[in-house]
C-alpha atoms as a PDB file:
ATOM      1  CA  MET A   1      26.331 131.504  78.296  1.00  0.00           C
ATOM      2  CA  LYS A   2      24.513 130.004  75.403  1.00  0.00           C
ATOM      3  CA  ILE A   3      22.234 127.101  75.122  1.00  0.00           C
ATOM      4  CA  LEU A   4      21.305 125.992  71.628  1.00  0.00           C
ATOM      5  CA  GLY A   5      18.107 123.805  71.218  1.00  0.00           C
ATOM      6  CA  LEU A   6      18.295 121.739  68.073  1.00  0.00           C
ATOM      7  CA  SER A   7      15.281 120.432  66.660  1.00  0.00           C
ATOM      8  CA  CYS A   8      15.672 117.368  64.184  1.00  0.00           C
ATOM      9  CA  SER A   9      12.269 117.144  63.485  1.00  0.00           C
ATOM     10  CA  PRO A  10      10.921 117.872  59.737  1.00  0.00           C
ATOM     11  CA  ARG A  11       7.686 119.308  61.291  1.00  0.00           C
ATOM     12  CA  LYS A  12       7.425 123.126  61.899  1.00  0.00           C
ATOM     13  CA  GLY A  13       6.107 123.583  65.741  1.00  0.00           C
ATOM     14  CA  GLY A  14       5.745 120.001  66.543  1.00  0.00           C
ATOM     15  CA  ASN A  15       5.998 118.279  69.821  1.00  0.00           C
ATOM     16  CA  THR A  16       9.850 118.261  69.702  1.00  0.00           C
ATOM     17  CA  VAL A  17       9.979 121.999  69.205  1.00  0.00           C
ATOM     18  CA  ILE A  18       7.355 122.517  71.955  1.00  0.00           C
ATOM     19  CA  LEU A  19       9.727 120.657  74.400  1.00  0.00           C
ATOM     20  CA  LEU A  20      12.668 122.406  73.102  1.00  0.00           C
ATOM     21  CA  GLU A  21      11.238 125.727  73.639  1.00  0.00           C
ATOM     22  CA  GLU A  22      10.270 124.744  77.160  1.00  0.00           C
ATOM     23  CA  ALA A  23      13.712 123.707  78.041  1.00  0.00           C
ATOM     24  CA  LEU A  24      15.120 126.867  76.680  1.00  0.00           C
ATOM     25  CA  SER A  25      12.743 128.559  78.795  1.00  0.00           C
ATOM     26  CA  GLY A  26      14.303 126.901  81.867  1.00  0.00           C
ATOM     27  CA  ALA A  27      17.672 127.815  80.564  1.00  0.00           C
ATOM     28  CA  GLN A  28      16.648 131.493  80.287  1.00  0.00           C
ATOM     29  CA  GLN A  29      15.452 131.482  83.699  1.00  0.00           C
ATOM     30  CA  GLU A  30      18.971 130.387  84.831  1.00  0.00           C
ATOM     31  CA  GLY A  31      20.083 133.450  83.031  1.00  0.00           C
ATOM     32  CA  ALA A  32      21.259 131.846  79.649  1.00  0.00           C
ATOM     33  CA  GLU A  33      20.985 133.214  76.298  1.00  0.00           C
ATOM     34  CA  THR A  34      19.137 130.767  74.063  1.00  0.00           C
ATOM     35  CA  GLU A  35      18.555 129.883  70.422  1.00  0.00           C
ATOM     36  CA  LEU A  36      16.263 127.338  68.709  1.00  0.00           C
ATOM     37  CA  PHE A  37      17.522 125.932  65.579  1.00  0.00           C
ATOM     38  CA  SER A  38      15.022 123.909  63.458  1.00  0.00           C
ATOM     39  CA  VAL A  39      15.968 121.585  60.476  1.00  0.00           C
ATOM     40  CA  SER A  40      12.518 121.886  59.062  1.00  0.00           C
ATOM     41  CA  GLY A  41      12.688 123.467  55.670  1.00  0.00           C
ATOM     42  CA  LYS A  42      16.507 123.417  55.716  1.00  0.00           C
ATOM     43  CA  ASP A  43      18.920 121.981  53.183  1.00  0.00           C
ATOM     44  CA  ILE A  44      21.174 119.688  55.146  1.00  0.00           C
ATOM     45  CA  ARG A  45      22.618 116.805  53.168  1.00  0.00           C
ATOM     46  CA  PRO A  46      24.229 113.468  53.983  1.00  0.00           C
ATOM     47  CA  CYS A  47      27.681 112.950  54.617  1.00  0.00           C
ATOM     48  CA  ASP A  48      29.471 111.652  51.510  1.00  0.00           C
ATOM     49  CA  GLY A  49      32.175 109.915  53.272  1.00  0.00           C
ATOM     50  CA  CYS A  50      34.936 111.897  51.473  1.00  0.00           C
ATOM     51  CA  TYR A  51      36.802 112.749  54.755  1.00  0.00           C
ATOM     52  CA  ALA A  52      37.597 116.162  53.550  1.00  0.00           C
ATOM     53  CA  CYS A  53      36.482 116.996  57.208  1.00  0.00           C
ATOM     54  CA  ARG A  54      39.748 115.757  58.597  1.00  0.00           C
ATOM     55  CA  THR A  55      40.964 119.428  57.871  1.00  0.00           C
ATOM     56  CA  GLY A  56      38.234 120.543  60.180  1.00  0.00           C
ATOM     57  CA  LYS A  57      35.921 121.674  57.447  1.00  0.00           C
ATOM     58  CA  CYS A  58      32.968 119.871  55.669  1.00  0.00           C
ATOM     59  CA  HIS A  59      33.120 120.645  51.852  1.00  0.00           C
ATOM     60  CA  ILE A  60      29.311 120.361  51.485  1.00  0.00           C
ATOM     61  CA  LYS A  61      27.811 123.944  51.221  1.00  0.00           C
ATOM     62  CA  ASP A  62      24.373 123.501  52.845  1.00  0.00           C
ATOM     63  CA  ASP A  63      22.514 124.652  55.878  1.00  0.00           C
ATOM     64  CA  MET A  64      24.750 122.671  58.030  1.00  0.00           C
ATOM     65  CA  GLN A  65      27.317 125.345  57.709  1.00  0.00           C
ATOM     66  CA  PRO A  66      25.399 127.878  59.902  1.00  0.00           C
ATOM     67  CA  LEU A  67      24.577 125.102  62.197  1.00  0.00           C
ATOM     68  CA  TYR A  68      28.349 124.243  62.612  1.00  0.00           C
ATOM     69  CA  ASP A  69      28.721 127.923  63.733  1.00  0.00           C
ATOM     70  CA  LYS A  70      25.921 127.908  66.315  1.00  0.00           C
ATOM     71  CA  MET A  71      27.109 124.607  67.671  1.00  0.00           C
ATOM     72  CA  VAL A  72      30.664 125.887  68.067  1.00  0.00           C
ATOM     73  CA  GLU A  73      29.275 129.139  69.646  1.00  0.00           C
ATOM     74  CA  ALA A  74      27.144 127.322  72.270  1.00  0.00           C
ATOM     75  CA  ASP A  75      28.202 126.300  75.671  1.00  0.00           C
ATOM     76  CA  GLY A  76      25.390 123.625  75.727  1.00  0.00           C
ATOM     77  CA  ILE A  77      23.257 121.933  73.090  1.00  0.00           C
ATOM     78  CA  ILE A  78      20.036 120.058  73.500  1.00  0.00           C
ATOM     79  CA  PHE A  79      19.535 117.543  70.687  1.00  0.00           C
ATOM     80  CA  GLY A  80      15.747 116.891  70.167  1.00  0.00           C
ATOM     81  CA  THR A  81      14.198 114.322  67.813  1.00  0.00           C
ATOM     82  CA  PRO A  82      10.717 112.540  67.441  1.00  0.00           C
ATOM     83  CA  ILE A  83      11.246 108.984  66.924  1.00  0.00           C
ATOM     84  CA  TYR A  84      10.212 107.417  63.500  1.00  0.00           C
ATOM     85  CA  TYR A  85      10.351 103.592  63.278  1.00  0.00           C
ATOM     86  CA  TYR A  86      12.141 103.163  66.680  1.00  0.00           C
ATOM     87  CA  SER A  87      15.023 105.339  65.707  1.00  0.00           C
ATOM     88  CA  MET A  88      15.873 109.364  65.468  1.00  0.00           C
ATOM     89  CA  THR A  89      14.963 110.951  62.301  1.00  0.00           C
ATOM     90  CA  GLY A  90      17.190 111.057  59.225  1.00  0.00           C
ATOM     91  CA  GLN A  91      17.824 114.353  59.814  1.00  0.00           C
ATOM     92  CA  ALA A  92      19.183 113.801  63.305  1.00  0.00           C
ATOM     93  CA  LYS A  93      21.281 111.072  62.036  1.00  0.00           C
ATOM     94  CA  ILE A  94      22.649 113.284  59.102  1.00  0.00           C
ATOM     95  CA  ILE A  95      23.799 115.869  61.963  1.00  0.00           C
ATOM     96  CA  ILE A  96      25.423 113.342  63.942  1.00  0.00           C
ATOM     97  CA  ASP A  97      27.351 112.043  60.903  1.00  0.00           C
ATOM     98  CA  ARG A  98      28.150 115.524  59.981  1.00  0.00           C
ATOM     99  CA  MET A  99      29.547 116.518  63.375  1.00  0.00           C
ATOM    100  CA  LEU A 100      32.779 114.452  62.378  1.00  0.00           C
ATOM    101  CA  ALA A 101      33.964 117.875  60.881  1.00  0.00           C
ATOM    102  CA  LEU A 102      34.009 119.514  64.296  1.00  0.00           C
ATOM    103  CA  GLU A 103      36.323 117.020  65.746  1.00  0.00           C
ATOM    104  CA  ARG A 104      37.112 118.411  69.219  1.00  0.00           C
ATOM    105  CA  ARG A 105      35.502 121.633  68.932  1.00  0.00           C
ATOM    106  CA  LEU A 106      32.282 120.316  70.991  1.00  0.00           C
ATOM    107  CA  ALA A 107      34.485 119.006  73.620  1.00  0.00           C
ATOM    108  CA  ASN A 108      33.411 120.061  77.360  1.00  0.00           C
ATOM    109  CA  LYS A 109      30.261 121.444  75.936  1.00  0.00           C
ATOM    110  CA  VAL A 110      27.048 120.201  77.716  1.00  0.00           C
ATOM    111  CA  GLY A 111      24.834 118.194  75.904  1.00  0.00           C
ATOM    112  CA  GLY A 112      21.046 117.262  76.835  1.00  0.00           C
ATOM    113  CA  VAL A 113      18.481 115.019  74.832  1.00  0.00           C
ATOM    114  CA  ILE A 114      15.014 115.382  74.085  1.00  0.00           C
ATOM    115  CA  VAL A 115      12.959 112.456  72.387  1.00  0.00           C
ATOM    116  CA  VAL A 116       9.367 112.021  71.550  1.00  0.00           C
ATOM    117  CA  ALA A 117       7.486 109.095  70.588  1.00  0.00           C
ATOM    118  CA  GLY A 118       3.862 108.060  69.714  1.00  0.00           C
ATOM    119  CA  SER A 119       4.487 104.532  71.407  1.00  0.00           C
ATOM    120  CA  ILE A 120       7.680 102.419  71.931  1.00  0.00           C
ATOM    121  CA  GLY A 121      11.349 102.999  70.632  1.00  0.00           C
ATOM    122  CA  ILE A 122      12.828 105.886  72.811  1.00  0.00           C
ATOM    123  CA  ILE A 123      15.700 104.227  74.350  1.00  0.00           C
ATOM    124  CA  SER A 124      17.917 103.170  71.439  1.00  0.00           C
ATOM    125  CA  PRO A 125      17.763 106.570  69.660  1.00  0.00           C
ATOM    126  CA  ALA A 126      18.457 108.361  73.042  1.00  0.00           C
ATOM    127  CA  LYS A 127      21.442 105.914  73.506  1.00  0.00           C
ATOM    128  CA  ASP A 128      22.658 106.721  70.023  1.00  0.00           C
ATOM    129  CA  ILE A 129      22.693 110.480  70.529  1.00  0.00           C
ATOM    130  CA  TYR A 130      24.467 110.075  74.072  1.00  0.00           C
ATOM    131  CA  PHE A 131      27.120 107.953  72.621  1.00  0.00           C
ATOM    132  CA  ALA A 132      27.840 110.377  69.747  1.00  0.00           C
ATOM    133  CA  MET A 133      28.036 113.174  72.545  1.00  0.00           C
ATOM    134  CA  VAL A 134      30.447 111.126  74.457  1.00  0.00           C
ATOM    135  CA  MET A 135      32.510 110.431  71.449  1.00  0.00           C
ATOM    136  CA  LYS A 136      32.853 114.135  71.019  1.00  0.00           C
ATOM    137  CA  LYS A 137      33.843 114.385  74.838  1.00  0.00           C
ATOM    138  CA  MET A 138      30.696 116.550  75.476  1.00  0.00           C
ATOM    139  CA  VAL A 139      29.373 116.513  79.166  1.00  0.00           C
ATOM    140  CA  PRO A 140      25.995 114.685  79.158  1.00  0.00           C
ATOM    141  CA  ALA A 141      23.080 116.006  81.055  1.00  0.00           C
ATOM    142  CA  SER A 142      19.435 114.619  81.498  1.00  0.00           C
ATOM    143  CA  LEU A 143      17.256 112.775  78.959  1.00  0.00           C
ATOM    144  CA  VAL A 144      13.718 113.770  78.589  1.00  0.00           C
ATOM    145  CA  ALA A 145      11.302 111.439  77.080  1.00  0.00           C
ATOM    146  CA  VAL A 146       7.813 112.193  76.430  1.00  0.00           C
ATOM    147  CA  TYR A 147       5.121 110.168  74.669  1.00  0.00           C
ATOM    148  CA  GLY A 148       2.748 112.009  72.186  1.00  0.00           C
ATOM    149  CA  PHE A 149       1.394 111.358  68.716  1.00  0.00           C
ATOM    150  CA  ASN A 150      -0.636 114.306  67.707  1.00  0.00           C
ATOM    151  CA  LYS A 151       0.703 117.782  67.490  1.00  0.00           C
ATOM    152  CA  ASP A 152       0.311 119.531  70.642  1.00  0.00           C
ATOM    153  CA  ASP A 153      -0.332 116.359  72.753  1.00  0.00           C
ATOM    154  CA  VAL A 154       3.099 117.080  74.874  1.00  0.00           C
ATOM    155  CA  ARG A 155       1.524 120.364  76.149  1.00  0.00           C
ATOM    156  CA  ALA A 156      -0.849 118.244  78.211  1.00  0.00           C
ATOM    157  CA  MET A 157       1.975 116.081  79.644  1.00  0.00           C
ATOM    158  CA  LYS A 158       2.480 118.182  82.755  1.00  0.00           C
ATOM    159  CA  ARG A 159       5.455 116.048  84.107  1.00  0.00           C
ATOM    160  CA  GLY A 160       7.181 115.902  80.848  1.00  0.00           C
ATOM    161  CA  MET A 161       6.933 119.561  80.189  1.00  0.00           C
ATOM    162  CA  GLN A 162       8.203 120.232  83.672  1.00  0.00           C
ATOM    163  CA  ALA A 163      11.076 117.718  83.017  1.00  0.00           C
ATOM    164  CA  ALA A 164      11.923 119.747  79.736  1.00  0.00           C
ATOM    165  CA  HIS A 165      12.041 123.070  81.720  1.00  0.00           C
ATOM    166  CA  ASP A 166      14.216 121.513  84.185  1.00  0.00           C
ATOM    167  CA  LEU A 167      16.895 120.194  81.550  1.00  0.00           C
ATOM    168  CA  GLY A 168      17.107 123.692  80.420  1.00  0.00           C
ATOM    169  CA  ARG A 169      17.946 124.919  84.083  1.00  0.00           C
ATOM    170  CA  GLU A 170      20.151 121.780  84.687  1.00  0.00           C
ATOM    171  CA  MET A 171      22.264 122.570  81.343  1.00  0.00           C
ATOM    172  CA  VAL A 172      22.923 125.855  82.559  1.00  0.00           C
ATOM    173  CA  GLN A 173      24.050 124.987  86.139  1.00  0.00           C
ATOM    174  CA  ILE A 174      26.328 122.333  84.641  1.00  0.00           C
ATOM    175  CA  VAL A 175      27.962 124.561  82.338  1.00  0.00           C
ATOM    176  CA  ALA A 176      28.556 127.010  85.169  1.00  0.00           C
ATOM    177  CA  LYS A 177      30.652 124.035  86.757  1.00  0.00           C
ATOM    178  CA  LYS A 178      33.253 124.480  83.762  1.00  0.00           C
ATOM    179  CA  PHE A 179      34.096 120.597  83.535  1.00  0.00           C
ATOM    180  CA  GLU A 180      36.966 120.070  81.348  1.00  0.00           C
ATOM    181  CA  TYR A 181      38.372 116.703  80.206  1.00  0.00           C
ATOM    182  CA  PRO A 182      42.113 116.544  80.848  1.00  0.00           C
ATOM    183  CA  ALA A 183      43.830 117.576  77.520  1.00  0.00           C
ATOM    184  CA  GLU A 184      45.746 114.196  77.606  1.00  0.00           C
ATOM    185  CA  PHE A 185      42.436 112.279  76.878  1.00  0.00           C
ATOM    186  CA  ALA A 186      40.829 115.063  74.581  1.00  0.00           C
ATOM    187  CA  ARG A 187      40.430 112.475  71.488  1.00  0.00           C
ATOM    188  CA  PRO A 188      37.742 109.589  72.216  1.00  0.00           C
ATOM    189  CA  VAL A 189      38.737 106.285  72.376  1.00  0.00           C
ATOM    190  CA  PHE A 190      38.130 104.209  69.002  1.00  0.00           C
ATOM    191  CA  ALA A 191      37.998 100.530  68.305  1.00  0.00           C
ATOM    192  CA  TYR A 192      41.098  99.215  66.907  1.00  0.00           C
ATOM    193  CA  GLY A 193      41.351  96.946  63.854  1.00  0.00           C
ATOM    194  CA  THR A 194      43.085  96.837  60.290  1.00  0.00           C
ATOM    195  CA  HIS A 195      42.553 100.606  60.185  1.00  0.00           C
ATOM    196  CA  THR A 196      45.103 101.152  62.982  1.00  0.00           C
ATOM    197  CA  HIS A 197      48.780 100.223  63.950  1.00  0.00           C
END
């Protein structure tokens, strides 16, 4: 079993990474193999709306390509992002947009969320990440939301660190239950309009 921690923070080793590492420590405690992928310093470009991904492959050759492989190989993915201007980072949104190329390959994987904010603005981005997971038929695990402004602030947030650790443990235990959406409903529901018949 493998749990992937995905840091969407442009900072190296910041609060988001600290909490993700703690979550992965919890997953390791439950016997999982873990990996941390950080977007910091990576070349991950925005979706250009070409829809070539309907073939199941994105034509943009950048650091999203190895991330695709890691996401498909993982049994669970913890999405982590700091909050910038009351929203997830631009990097997090790009990854969600580019997940379109994975189509059904994320179905039945467990997804967790870690968000870090200096003050307000936690709920809306967490909701958006959860909705993206549900649209991919992932199985949602817990949300960990911690307030920390300066680098390393979260280390002093004992309950937040414990919650992150417990999220990692929870991810492994949910994966072990082997939940699967019925194949009949493998595709998420879309809104209907002029593009449908």
